[in-house]
C-alpha atoms as a PDB file:
ATOM      1  CA  MET A   1      32.181  16.004 -35.210  1.00  0.00           C
ATOM      2  CA  GLY A   2      34.272  14.228 -32.819  1.00  0.00           C
ATOM      3  CA  PRO A   3      32.949  13.387 -28.862  1.00  0.00           C
ATOM      4  CA  ALA A   4      35.263  15.754 -27.363  1.00  0.00           C
ATOM      5  CA  ALA A   5      34.077  18.784 -29.963  1.00  0.00           C
ATOM      6  CA  ALA A   6      30.407  18.192 -29.241  1.00  0.00           C
ATOM      7  CA  PHE A   7      31.339  18.047 -25.797  1.00  0.00           C
ATOM      8  CA  LEU A   8      32.282  21.394 -25.756  1.00  0.00           C
ATOM      9  CA  GLY A   9      30.261  22.821 -28.210  1.00  0.00           C
ATOM     10  CA  LEU A  10      27.700  21.893 -26.419  1.00  0.00           C
ATOM     11  CA  LEU A  11      29.151  23.684 -23.534  1.00  0.00           C
ATOM     12  CA  GLN A  12      29.368  26.900 -25.284  1.00  0.00           C
ATOM     13  CA  GLY A  13      26.308  26.398 -26.697  1.00  0.00           C
ATOM     14  CA  LYS A  14      27.354  25.819 -30.890  1.00  0.00           C
ATOM     15  CA  ALA A  15      26.248  22.551 -30.682  1.00  0.00           C
ATOM     16  CA  ALA A  16      23.099  20.630 -31.371  1.00  0.00           C
ATOM     17  CA  PRO A  17      22.260  18.145 -28.257  1.00  0.00           C
ATOM     18  CA  ARG A  18      21.642  15.392 -30.633  1.00  0.00           C
ATOM     19  CA  ALA A  19      25.164  15.439 -31.132  1.00  0.00           C
ATOM     20  CA  LEU A  20      26.720  15.262 -28.291  1.00  0.00           C
ATOM     21  CA  CYS A  21      24.407  12.387 -27.743  1.00  0.00           C
ATOM     22  CA  ALA A  22      24.958  10.557 -30.484  1.00  0.00           C
ATOM     23  CA  GLY A  23      28.788  10.923 -30.658  1.00  0.00           C
ATOM     24  CA  CYS A  24      29.897  10.947 -26.701  1.00  0.00           C
ATOM     25  CA  GLY A  25      27.780   7.016 -25.991  1.00  0.00           C
ATOM     26  CA  PRO A  26      27.835   6.288 -22.416  1.00  0.00           C
ATOM     27  CA  GLN A  27      31.745   6.871 -21.838  1.00  0.00           C
ATOM     28  CA  TRP A  28      31.066  10.783 -21.046  1.00  0.00           C
ATOM     29  CA  GLY A  29      28.253   9.995 -18.903  1.00  0.00           C
ATOM     30  CA  LEU A  30      25.955  11.826 -16.787  1.00  0.00           C
ATOM     31  CA  LEU A  31      26.716  15.825 -17.559  1.00  0.00           C
ATOM     32  CA  ILE A  32      24.801  18.161 -14.965  1.00  0.00           C
ATOM     33  CA  SER A  33      25.042  21.856 -15.958  1.00  0.00           C
ATOM     34  CA  ALA A  34      22.095  23.274 -13.904  1.00  0.00           C
ATOM     35  CA  PRO A  35      23.428  26.358 -11.561  1.00  0.00           C
ATOM     36  CA  GLY A  36      23.210  27.408  -8.237  1.00  0.00           C
ATOM     37  CA  ALA A  37      22.562  24.062  -7.047  1.00  0.00           C
ATOM     38  CA  ALA A  38      25.230  21.654  -5.646  1.00  0.00           C
ATOM     39  CA  GLY A  39      23.508  17.819  -6.097  1.00  0.00           C
ATOM     40  CA  ARG A  40      24.819  14.816  -7.094  1.00  0.00           C
ATOM     41  CA  GLY A  41      27.359  14.943 -10.078  1.00  0.00           C
ATOM     42  CA  GLN A  42      27.917  19.033 -10.018  1.00  0.00           C
ATOM     43  CA  ARG A  43      30.319  20.824  -8.321  1.00  0.00           C
ATOM     44  CA  ALA A  44      29.557  23.802  -6.324  1.00  0.00           C
ATOM     45  CA  GLY A  45      29.326  27.225  -8.351  1.00  0.00           C
ATOM     46  CA  GLY A  46      27.263  25.571 -11.003  1.00  0.00           C
ATOM     47  CA  ARG A  47      29.942  24.398 -13.237  1.00  0.00           C
ATOM     48  CA  ALA A  48      29.682  21.266 -15.189  1.00  0.00           C
ATOM     49  CA  ALA A  49      30.349  17.724 -13.643  1.00  0.00           C
ATOM     50  CA  ALA A  50      30.796  14.198 -15.653  1.00  0.00           C
ATOM     51  CA  VAL A  51      29.780  11.331 -13.916  1.00  0.00           C
ATOM     52  CA  THR A  52      30.057   7.874 -15.292  1.00  0.00           C
ATOM     53  CA  SER A  53      27.081   6.805 -16.211  1.00  0.00           C
ATOM     54  CA  ARG A  54      26.121   3.238 -18.662  1.00  0.00           C
ATOM     55  CA  ALA A  55      22.420   4.445 -18.765  1.00  0.00           C
ATOM     56  CA  PRO A  56      20.997   6.260 -22.060  1.00  0.00           C
ATOM     57  CA  LEU A  57      20.658   9.424 -22.092  1.00  0.00           C
ATOM     58  CA  ARG A  58      18.153  12.464 -22.205  1.00  0.00           C
ATOM     59  CA  LEU A  59      17.697  15.932 -22.687  1.00  0.00           C
ATOM     60  CA  LEU A  60      15.640  17.991 -20.050  1.00  0.00           C
ATOM     61  CA  GLY A  61      16.084  21.955 -21.552  1.00  0.00           C
ATOM     62  CA  PRO A  62      18.543  23.700 -23.155  1.00  0.00           C
ATOM     63  CA  ARG A  63      21.052  23.896 -19.575  1.00  0.00           C
ATOM     64  CA  ALA A  64      20.279  21.173 -17.869  1.00  0.00           C
ATOM     65  CA  ALA A  65      22.184  18.986 -20.185  1.00  0.00           C
ATOM     66  CA  LEU A  66      21.906  15.353 -19.841  1.00  0.00           C
ATOM     67  CA  VAL A  67      20.300  12.743 -17.178  1.00  0.00           C
ATOM     68  CA  PRO A  68      20.369   9.122 -17.854  1.00  0.00           C
ATOM     69  CA  PHE A  69      16.856   7.549 -18.632  1.00  0.00           C
ATOM     70  CA  PRO A  70      15.693   5.598 -15.648  1.00  0.00           C
ATOM     71  CA  SER A  71      16.028   1.918 -16.842  1.00  0.00           C
ATOM     72  CA  ARG A  72      13.454  -0.785 -15.849  1.00  0.00           C
ATOM     73  CA  GLU A  73      15.282  -2.176 -13.395  1.00  0.00           C
ATOM     74  CA  SER A  74      16.333   0.952 -11.389  1.00  0.00           C
ATOM     75  CA  VAL A  75      12.180   1.807 -11.877  1.00  0.00           C
ATOM     76  CA  LYS A  76      11.301  -1.364 -10.508  1.00  0.00           C
ATOM     77  CA  GLY A  77      14.127  -1.906  -8.021  1.00  0.00           C
ATOM     78  CA  ARG A  78      13.081   1.536  -6.047  1.00  0.00           C
ATOM     79  CA  ALA A  79       9.761   0.651  -6.030  1.00  0.00           C
ATOM     80  CA  LYS A  80      10.432  -2.736  -4.342  1.00  0.00           C
ATOM     81  CA  LEU A  81      12.539  -1.059  -1.670  1.00  0.00           C
ATOM     82  CA  ARG A  82       9.929   1.908  -0.471  1.00  0.00           C
ATOM     83  CA  LEU A  83       7.112  -1.192  -0.405  1.00  0.00           C
ATOM     84  CA  ARG A  84       9.404  -3.288   1.849  1.00  0.00           C
ATOM     85  CA  GLU A  85       9.694  -0.369   3.653  1.00  0.00           C
ATOM     86  CA  CYS A  86       5.920   0.384   4.101  1.00  0.00           C
ATOM     87  CA  ASP A  87       5.533  -3.780   4.753  1.00  0.00           C
ATOM     88  CA  VAL A  88       2.968  -4.249   7.924  1.00  0.00           C
ATOM     89  CA  GLY A  89       3.661  -8.788   7.595  1.00  0.00           C
ATOM     90  CA  ASP A  90       0.721  -9.786   9.688  1.00  0.00           C
ATOM     91  CA  LYS A  91       0.941  -6.641  12.107  1.00  0.00           C
ATOM     92  CA  PHE A  92      -3.192  -6.830  11.602  1.00  0.00           C
ATOM     93  CA  SER A  93      -4.000 -10.653  11.148  1.00  0.00           C
ATOM     94  CA  HIS A  94      -4.517 -11.119  15.002  1.00  0.00           C
ATOM     95  CA  LEU A  95      -7.612  -8.567  14.539  1.00  0.00           C
ATOM     96  CA  PRO A  96     -11.381 -10.342  15.188  1.00  0.00           C
ATOM     97  CA  LEU A  97     -12.288  -9.725  11.721  1.00  0.00           C
ATOM     98  CA  ARG A  98     -13.406 -12.050   8.739  1.00  0.00           C
ATOM     99  CA  LYS A  99     -10.719 -11.949   6.138  1.00  0.00           C
ATOM    100  CA  ALA A 100     -10.396 -10.969   2.745  1.00  0.00           C
ATOM    101  CA  SER A 101      -7.188 -10.244   0.393  1.00  0.00           C
ATOM    102  CA  VAL A 102      -6.640  -8.583  -2.828  1.00  0.00           C
ATOM    103  CA  LEU A 103      -3.534  -8.813  -5.246  1.00  0.00           C
ATOM    104  CA  LEU A 104      -2.212  -5.069  -6.351  1.00  0.00           C
ATOM    105  CA  PRO A 105      -0.530  -6.581  -9.695  1.00  0.00           C
ATOM    106  CA  LEU A 106       2.425  -4.274 -10.398  1.00  0.00           C
ATOM    107  CA  LEU A 107       3.938  -4.618 -13.862  1.00  0.00           C
ATOM    108  CA  LEU A 108       6.198  -1.940 -15.849  1.00  0.00           C
ATOM    109  CA  ARG A 109       5.303  -0.788 -19.622  1.00  0.00           C
ATOM    110  CA  ASP A 110       6.643   1.765 -21.367  1.00  0.00           C
ATOM    111  CA  GLY A 111       9.409   2.395 -18.385  1.00  0.00           C
ATOM    112  CA  ALA A 112       6.512   3.508 -16.155  1.00  0.00           C
ATOM    113  CA  LEU A 113       4.930   1.637 -13.255  1.00  0.00           C
ATOM    114  CA  CYS A 114       0.893   0.190 -14.014  1.00  0.00           C
ATOM    115  CA  LEU A 115      -1.580  -1.774 -11.908  1.00  0.00           C
ATOM    116  CA  LEU A 116      -4.056  -4.023 -13.714  1.00  0.00           C
ATOM    117  CA  LEU A 117      -7.531  -3.861 -12.171  1.00  0.00           C
ATOM    118  CA  THR A 118     -10.565  -6.138 -13.079  1.00  0.00           C
ATOM    119  CA  VAL A 119     -14.430  -5.285 -13.473  1.00  0.00           C
ATOM    120  CA  ARG A 120     -16.431  -7.763 -11.450  1.00  0.00           C
ATOM    121  CA  SER A 121     -19.370  -9.465 -13.225  1.00  0.00           C
ATOM    122  CA  MET A 122     -22.537  -8.303 -13.357  1.00  0.00           C
ATOM    123  CA  GLN A 123     -24.047 -11.612 -12.791  1.00  0.00           C
ATOM    124  CA  LEU A 124     -22.094 -10.975  -9.462  1.00  0.00           C
ATOM    125  CA  ARG A 125     -24.047 -10.356  -6.363  1.00  0.00           C
ATOM    126  CA  ARG A 126     -22.370  -8.197  -4.701  1.00  0.00           C
ATOM    127  CA  SER A 127     -20.706  -4.754  -6.618  1.00  0.00           C
ATOM    128  CA  PRO A 128     -21.356  -5.979 -10.118  1.00  0.00           C
ATOM    129  CA  GLY A 129     -20.075  -4.043 -12.639  1.00  0.00           C
ATOM    130  CA  GLU A 130     -16.968  -1.873 -10.355  1.00  0.00           C
ATOM    131  CA  VAL A 131     -13.765  -2.110 -10.685  1.00  0.00           C
ATOM    132  CA  CYS A 132     -11.842  -4.314  -8.193  1.00  0.00           C
ATOM    133  CA  PHE A 133      -8.544  -5.910  -7.466  1.00  0.00           C
ATOM    134  CA  PRO A 134      -7.911  -9.547  -8.049  1.00  0.00           C
ATOM    135  CA  GLY A 135      -8.975 -10.848  -4.239  1.00  0.00           C
ATOM    136  CA  GLY A 136     -11.675 -12.286  -2.290  1.00  0.00           C
ATOM    137  CA  LYS A 137     -12.329 -13.832   1.317  1.00  0.00           C
ATOM    138  CA  ARG A 138      -9.547 -16.331   2.897  1.00  0.00           C
ATOM    139  CA  GLU A 139     -10.482 -19.949   2.925  1.00  0.00           C
ATOM    140  CA  GLU A 140      -9.176 -22.664   5.019  1.00  0.00           C
ATOM    141  CA  MET A 141      -6.854 -23.873   2.731  1.00  0.00           C
ATOM    142  CA  ASP A 142      -5.020 -20.539   2.797  1.00  0.00           C
ATOM    143  CA  LYS A 143      -2.718 -19.961   5.073  1.00  0.00           C
ATOM    144  CA  ASP A 144      -2.008 -16.093   5.093  1.00  0.00           C
ATOM    145  CA  GLU A 145      -3.370 -13.219   3.063  1.00  0.00           C
ATOM    146  CA  ILE A 146      -0.938 -13.607   0.464  1.00  0.00           C
ATOM    147  CA  ASP A 147      -1.556 -17.345  -0.565  1.00  0.00           C
ATOM    148  CA  THR A 148      -5.716 -15.827  -0.789  1.00  0.00           C
ATOM    149  CA  ALA A 149      -5.042 -12.772  -2.568  1.00  0.00           C
ATOM    150  CA  LEU A 150      -2.711 -15.253  -5.042  1.00  0.00           C
ATOM    151  CA  ARG A 151      -5.255 -18.563  -5.377  1.00  0.00           C
ATOM    152  CA  GLU A 152      -8.276 -15.558  -5.856  1.00  0.00           C
ATOM    153  CA  ALA A 153      -5.582 -14.238  -8.729  1.00  0.00           C
ATOM    154  CA  LYS A 154      -5.639 -17.332 -10.177  1.00  0.00           C
ATOM    155  CA  GLU A 155      -8.629 -18.001  -9.859  1.00  0.00           C
ATOM    156  CA  GLU A 156     -10.069 -14.488 -11.499  1.00  0.00           C
ATOM    157  CA  VAL A 157      -7.514 -13.998 -14.625  1.00  0.00           C
ATOM    158  CA  GLY A 158      -5.565 -17.319 -14.787  1.00  0.00           C
ATOM    159  CA  LEU A 159      -2.337 -15.611 -12.656  1.00  0.00           C
ATOM    160  CA  GLN A 160      -0.341 -18.205 -11.929  1.00  0.00           C
ATOM    161  CA  PRO A 161       1.262 -17.994  -8.385  1.00  0.00           C
ATOM    162  CA  GLU A 162       5.065 -18.034  -9.286  1.00  0.00           C
ATOM    163  CA  LYS A 163       4.225 -15.317 -11.757  1.00  0.00           C
ATOM    164  CA  VAL A 164       3.769 -13.004  -8.892  1.00  0.00           C
ATOM    165  CA  GLU A 165       6.794 -11.459  -7.187  1.00  0.00           C
ATOM    166  CA  VAL A 166       5.713 -10.898  -4.014  1.00  0.00           C
ATOM    167  CA  ILE A 167       7.122  -7.723  -2.214  1.00  0.00           C
ATOM    168  CA  CYS A 168       5.386  -6.533   0.717  1.00  0.00           C
ATOM    169  CA  ARG A 169       1.816  -6.666   2.705  1.00  0.00           C
ATOM    170  CA  LEU A 170       0.791  -2.997   2.747  1.00  0.00           C
ATOM    171  CA  VAL A 171      -2.130  -1.686   5.685  1.00  0.00           C
ATOM    172  CA  PRO A 172      -5.464  -3.027   5.589  1.00  0.00           C
ATOM    173  CA  GLY A 173      -8.722  -1.801   4.997  1.00  0.00           C
ATOM    174  CA  ILE A 174     -12.201  -2.739   5.870  1.00  0.00           C
ATOM    175  CA  ASP A 175     -14.687  -3.189   3.088  1.00  0.00           C
ATOM    176  CA  LYS A 176     -18.741  -2.737   3.589  1.00  0.00           C
ATOM    177  CA  MET A 177     -19.409  -6.043   4.229  1.00  0.00           C
ATOM    178  CA  ASN A 178     -17.027  -5.141   7.721  1.00  0.00           C
ATOM    179  CA  HIS A 179     -14.055  -7.599   6.121  1.00  0.00           C
ATOM    180  CA  LEU A 180     -10.657  -6.755   6.987  1.00  0.00           C
ATOM    181  CA  VAL A 181      -8.517  -6.874   3.457  1.00  0.00           C
ATOM    182  CA  THR A 182      -5.243  -6.745   2.895  1.00  0.00           C
ATOM    183  CA  PRO A 183      -3.651  -5.499   0.313  1.00  0.00           C
ATOM    184  CA  VAL A 184      -0.835  -8.020  -1.114  1.00  0.00           C
ATOM    185  CA  VAL A 185       1.948  -6.172  -3.898  1.00  0.00           C
ATOM    186  CA  GLY A 186       3.264  -8.296  -6.288  1.00  0.00           C
ATOM    187  CA  PHE A 187       5.043  -7.949  -9.538  1.00  0.00           C
ATOM    188  CA  ILE A 188       4.377  -9.102 -12.743  1.00  0.00           C
ATOM    189  CA  GLU A 189       5.424  -9.324 -16.380  1.00  0.00           C
ATOM    190  CA  ASP A 190       4.134  -7.160 -18.877  1.00  0.00           C
ATOM    191  CA  THR A 191       3.492  -9.858 -21.203  1.00  0.00           C
ATOM    192  CA  PHE A 192       0.980 -11.232 -18.780  1.00  0.00           C
ATOM    193  CA  GLN A 193      -2.540 -11.679 -20.662  1.00  0.00           C
ATOM    194  CA  ALA A 194      -5.062 -12.364 -18.447  1.00  0.00           C
ATOM    195  CA  SER A 195      -7.945 -15.378 -18.927  1.00  0.00           C
ATOM    196  CA  PRO A 196     -11.044 -13.610 -16.997  1.00  0.00           C
ATOM    197  CA  ASN A 197     -13.171 -16.357 -15.316  1.00  0.00           C
ATOM    198  CA  PRO A 198     -16.525 -14.940 -17.011  1.00  0.00           C
ATOM    199  CA  ASP A 199     -18.441 -16.016 -13.296  1.00  0.00           C
ATOM    200  CA  GLU A 200     -17.121 -13.437 -11.883  1.00  0.00           C
ATOM    201  CA  VAL A 201     -14.872 -10.654 -14.304  1.00  0.00           C
ATOM    202  CA  SER A 202     -16.094  -8.949 -17.204  1.00  0.00           C
ATOM    203  CA  ASP A 203     -13.087  -6.991 -18.129  1.00  0.00           C
ATOM    204  CA  VAL A 204      -9.373  -6.791 -17.109  1.00  0.00           C
ATOM    205  CA  PHE A 205      -7.383  -3.303 -17.927  1.00  0.00           C
ATOM    206  CA  VAL A 206      -4.273  -1.149 -16.729  1.00  0.00           C
ATOM    207  CA  VAL A 207      -3.944   1.653 -15.693  1.00  0.00           C
ATOM    208  CA  PRO A 208      -0.602   4.285 -14.956  1.00  0.00           C
ATOM    209  CA  LEU A 209       0.091   3.506 -11.290  1.00  0.00           C
ATOM    210  CA  GLU A 210       0.919   7.579 -11.372  1.00  0.00           C
ATOM    211  CA  TYR A 211      -3.028   8.029 -12.661  1.00  0.00           C
ATOM    212  CA  PHE A 212      -3.972   7.450  -8.377  1.00  0.00           C
ATOM    213  CA  ILE A 213      -1.741  10.941  -7.408  1.00  0.00           C
ATOM    214  CA  LYS A 214      -2.223  12.956 -10.884  1.00  0.00           C
ATOM    215  CA  PRO A 215      -5.360  12.036 -11.989  1.00  0.00           C
ATOM    216  CA  LEU A 216      -7.195  14.084 -15.193  1.00  0.00           C
ATOM    217  CA  SER A 217     -10.852  12.918 -13.466  1.00  0.00           C
ATOM    218  CA  TYR A 218     -11.485  12.939 -10.092  1.00  0.00           C
ATOM    219  CA  MET A 219     -14.088  13.549  -7.425  1.00  0.00           C
ATOM    220  CA  ALA A 220     -14.008  13.143  -3.328  1.00  0.00           C
ATOM    221  CA  LEU A 221     -17.756  11.658  -2.600  1.00  0.00           C
ATOM    222  CA  PRO A 222     -18.745  12.257   1.280  1.00  0.00           C
ATOM    223  CA  TYR A 223     -19.225   8.435   2.414  1.00  0.00           C
ATOM    224  CA  LYS A 224     -19.952   6.953   5.690  1.00  0.00           C
ATOM    225  CA  ASN A 225     -19.370   3.504   6.562  1.00  0.00           C
ATOM    226  CA  SER A 226     -21.681   0.616   8.364  1.00  0.00           C
ATOM    227  CA  SER A 227     -19.855   1.895  11.604  1.00  0.00           C
ATOM    228  CA  GLY A 228     -21.323   5.356  11.292  1.00  0.00           C
ATOM    229  CA  TYR A 229     -17.408   6.589  10.198  1.00  0.00           C
ATOM    230  CA  PHE A 230     -17.703   9.394   8.681  1.00  0.00           C
ATOM    231  CA  SER A 231     -14.633   9.985   5.689  1.00  0.00           C
ATOM    232  CA  TRP A 232     -14.071  10.898   1.677  1.00  0.00           C
ATOM    233  CA  MET A 233     -14.098   8.657  -0.553  1.00  0.00           C
ATOM    234  CA  HIS A 234     -11.338   8.892  -3.883  1.00  0.00           C
ATOM    235  CA  CYS A 235     -13.379   8.589  -7.296  1.00  0.00           C
ATOM    236  CA  PHE A 236     -11.168   8.322 -10.805  1.00  0.00           C
ATOM    237  CA  THR A 237     -12.415   7.595 -13.905  1.00  0.00           C
ATOM    238  CA  TYR A 238      -9.931   6.355 -16.145  1.00  0.00           C
ATOM    239  CA  ASP A 239     -10.492   6.577 -20.043  1.00  0.00           C
ATOM    240  CA  ASP A 240      -8.453   3.405 -21.583  1.00  0.00           C
ATOM    241  CA  HIS A 241      -8.022   4.635 -25.216  1.00  0.00           C
ATOM    242  CA  GLU A 242      -5.948   1.508 -25.664  1.00  0.00           C
ATOM    243  CA  HIS A 243      -9.726   0.085 -24.835  1.00  0.00           C
ATOM    244  CA  LYS A 244     -12.165   2.826 -25.527  1.00  0.00           C
ATOM    245  CA  LYS A 245     -13.823   2.687 -22.557  1.00  0.00           C
ATOM    246  CA  SER A 246     -13.951   4.720 -19.194  1.00  0.00           C
ATOM    247  CA  PHE A 247     -13.806   2.912 -16.124  1.00  0.00           C
ATOM    248  CA  LYS A 248     -14.474   4.408 -13.035  1.00  0.00           C
ATOM    249  CA  ILE A 249     -12.688   3.485  -9.371  1.00  0.00           C
ATOM    250  CA  TRP A 250     -14.181   4.426  -6.197  1.00  0.00           C
ATOM    251  CA  GLY A 251     -14.026   3.247  -3.066  1.00  0.00           C
ATOM    252  CA  LEU A 252     -11.684   0.716  -1.056  1.00  0.00           C
ATOM    253  CA  THR A 253      -9.959   0.104  -4.194  1.00  0.00           C
ATOM    254  CA  ALA A 254      -8.773   3.254  -4.812  1.00  0.00           C
ATOM    255  CA  HIS A 255      -7.895   3.369  -1.447  1.00  0.00           C
ATOM    256  CA  PHE A 256      -5.116   1.163  -1.783  1.00  0.00           C
ATOM    257  CA  ALA A 257      -4.067   2.680  -5.495  1.00  0.00           C
ATOM    258  CA  VAL A 258      -3.663   6.158  -3.985  1.00  0.00           C
ATOM    259  CA  PHE A 259      -1.971   4.453  -0.580  1.00  0.00           C
ATOM    260  CA  LEU A 260       0.304   2.394  -3.094  1.00  0.00           C
ATOM    261  CA  ALA A 261       0.865   5.236  -5.282  1.00  0.00           C
ATOM    262  CA  ILE A 262       2.109   7.327  -2.733  1.00  0.00           C
ATOM    263  CA  VAL A 263       4.404   4.976  -1.203  1.00  0.00           C
ATOM    264  CA  ILE A 264       5.914   4.183  -4.500  1.00  0.00           C
ATOM    265  CA  PHE A 265       6.750   8.095  -5.740  1.00  0.00           C
ATOM    266  CA  ARG A 266       6.699   9.647  -2.252  1.00  0.00           C
ATOM    267  CA  THR A 267       4.848  12.767  -3.895  1.00  0.00           C
ATOM    268  CA  LYS A 268       1.553  14.591  -2.830  1.00  0.00           C
ATOM    269  CA  PRO A 269      -1.350  14.240  -4.944  1.00  0.00           C
ATOM    270  CA  THR A 270      -3.058  16.832  -6.673  1.00  0.00           C
ATOM    271  CA  PHE A 271      -5.912  16.353  -3.983  1.00  0.00           C
ATOM    272  CA  GLU A 272      -6.228  16.082   0.110  1.00  0.00           C
ATOM    273  CA  VAL A 273      -5.167  12.724   0.996  1.00  0.00           C
ATOM    274  CA  ASP A 274      -5.497  11.952   5.230  1.00  0.00           C
ATOM    275  CA  TYR A 275      -1.806  11.153   5.362  1.00  0.00           C
ATOM    276  CA  ASP A 276       1.592  12.663   7.186  1.00  0.00           C
ATOM    277  CA  LEU A 277       3.346  12.771   4.286  1.00  0.00           C
ATOM    278  CA  ASP A 278       6.244  12.932   7.160  1.00  0.00           C
ATOM    279  CA  ASN A 279       5.072  10.179   8.748  1.00  0.00           C
ATOM    280  CA  LEU A 280       3.124   8.084   5.803  1.00  0.00           C
ATOM    281  CA  ILE A 281       3.087   4.063   7.506  1.00  0.00           C
ATOM    282  CA  THR A 282       2.162   5.866  11.281  1.00  0.00           C
ATOM    283  CA  SER A 283      -0.860   7.914   9.534  1.00  0.00           C
ATOM    284  CA  ALA A 284      -1.778   5.254   7.596  1.00  0.00           C
ATOM    285  CA  GLU A 285      -2.025   2.448  10.999  1.00  0.00           C
ATOM    286  CA  ASN A 286      -3.563   5.265  13.285  1.00  0.00           C
ATOM    287  CA  ASN A 287      -6.049   6.075  10.350  1.00  0.00           C
ATOM    288  CA  PHE A 288      -6.687   2.056   9.908  1.00  0.00           C
ATOM    289  CA  MET A 289      -6.466   1.889  13.868  1.00  0.00           C
ATOM    290  CA  ASN A 290      -9.327   4.462  14.980  1.00  0.00           C
ATOM    291  CA  LEU A 291     -12.057   3.112  11.731  1.00  0.00           C
ATOM    292  CA  TYR A 292     -11.508  -0.527  13.108  1.00  0.00           C
ATOM    293  CA  ALA A 293     -12.069   0.900  16.718  1.00  0.00           C
ATOM    294  CA  SER A 294     -15.382   3.337  15.700  1.00  0.00           C
ATOM    295  CA  ILE A 295     -16.666  -0.476  14.037  1.00  0.00           C
ATOM    296  CA  ASN A 296     -15.930  -1.620  17.344  1.00  0.00           C
ATOM    297  CA  GLU A 297     -17.575   0.737  19.385  1.00  0.00           C
ATOM    298  CA  ARG A 298     -20.333   0.115  17.525  1.00  0.00           C
ATOM    299  CA  LYS A 299     -20.616  -3.436  18.039  1.00  0.00           C
ATOM    300  CA  LYS A 300     -20.575  -2.850  21.718  1.00  0.00           C
ATOM    301  CA  SER A 301     -23.235  -0.067  21.905  1.00  0.00           C
ATOM    302  CA  SER A 302     -26.099  -1.998  19.334  1.00  0.00           C
ATOM    303  CA  LEU A 303     -25.776  -5.209  21.776  1.00  0.00           C
END
């Protein structure tokens, strides 16, 4: 069956979708035949319209016809654009708190965005065995939050700074030791092989980013920080079938992962969050400043 016959056969419901995919090739482009809406590549009245596309094709059901698989570059490019829209730069760097940074390493695996996380060594005095991002306290040699995150990632998992494409800094958080913790987001290659420093890291694993808006195992825990500020803490359990392990991801690590996922996917999670999704950055910054103000009030009252 030639491409034209396959195309007509699919419209009439007589040809197998596979024949159209195999026979038509990229010259047939993108076929949208879902009735009712006038979206991109669709004419009013629900009639089919062909849009040129060189992307690989897939079927979305018997009547939706063909749409392109998102390429690695389109997934990555869209994520970069959305992240840069939310870049806070050094907006909060002036705040008089001790500084720390974490690196949120994004990678593409099988076409999906994933996050690399670590497990803290049981030898550490603070938070042994907990899941976290590579990161730590700022040192005198660090120019800024980005330098801190990259240095710590190199020390902890052997990730060379030049192998990280830094995209942005997101709204910071405040940890239980009252450090101002800045999340630095960067892309790494999916071929990266971690070399964990056993003094600091006991394990390294990867989680699909979408898990932080559509988890299989989630609970919200009531939490009160050192300033007395009450909130809800995200707590995820992720089953890593590849390594046959389960990981508990909670606290500030989960907070940053959830926000990152919302920024990129622009989708409401299946659980409650403290953000106005129509004004995401403003609401995130307001939440942070409310937390910071509560810590300041607590400090003043203790003097």
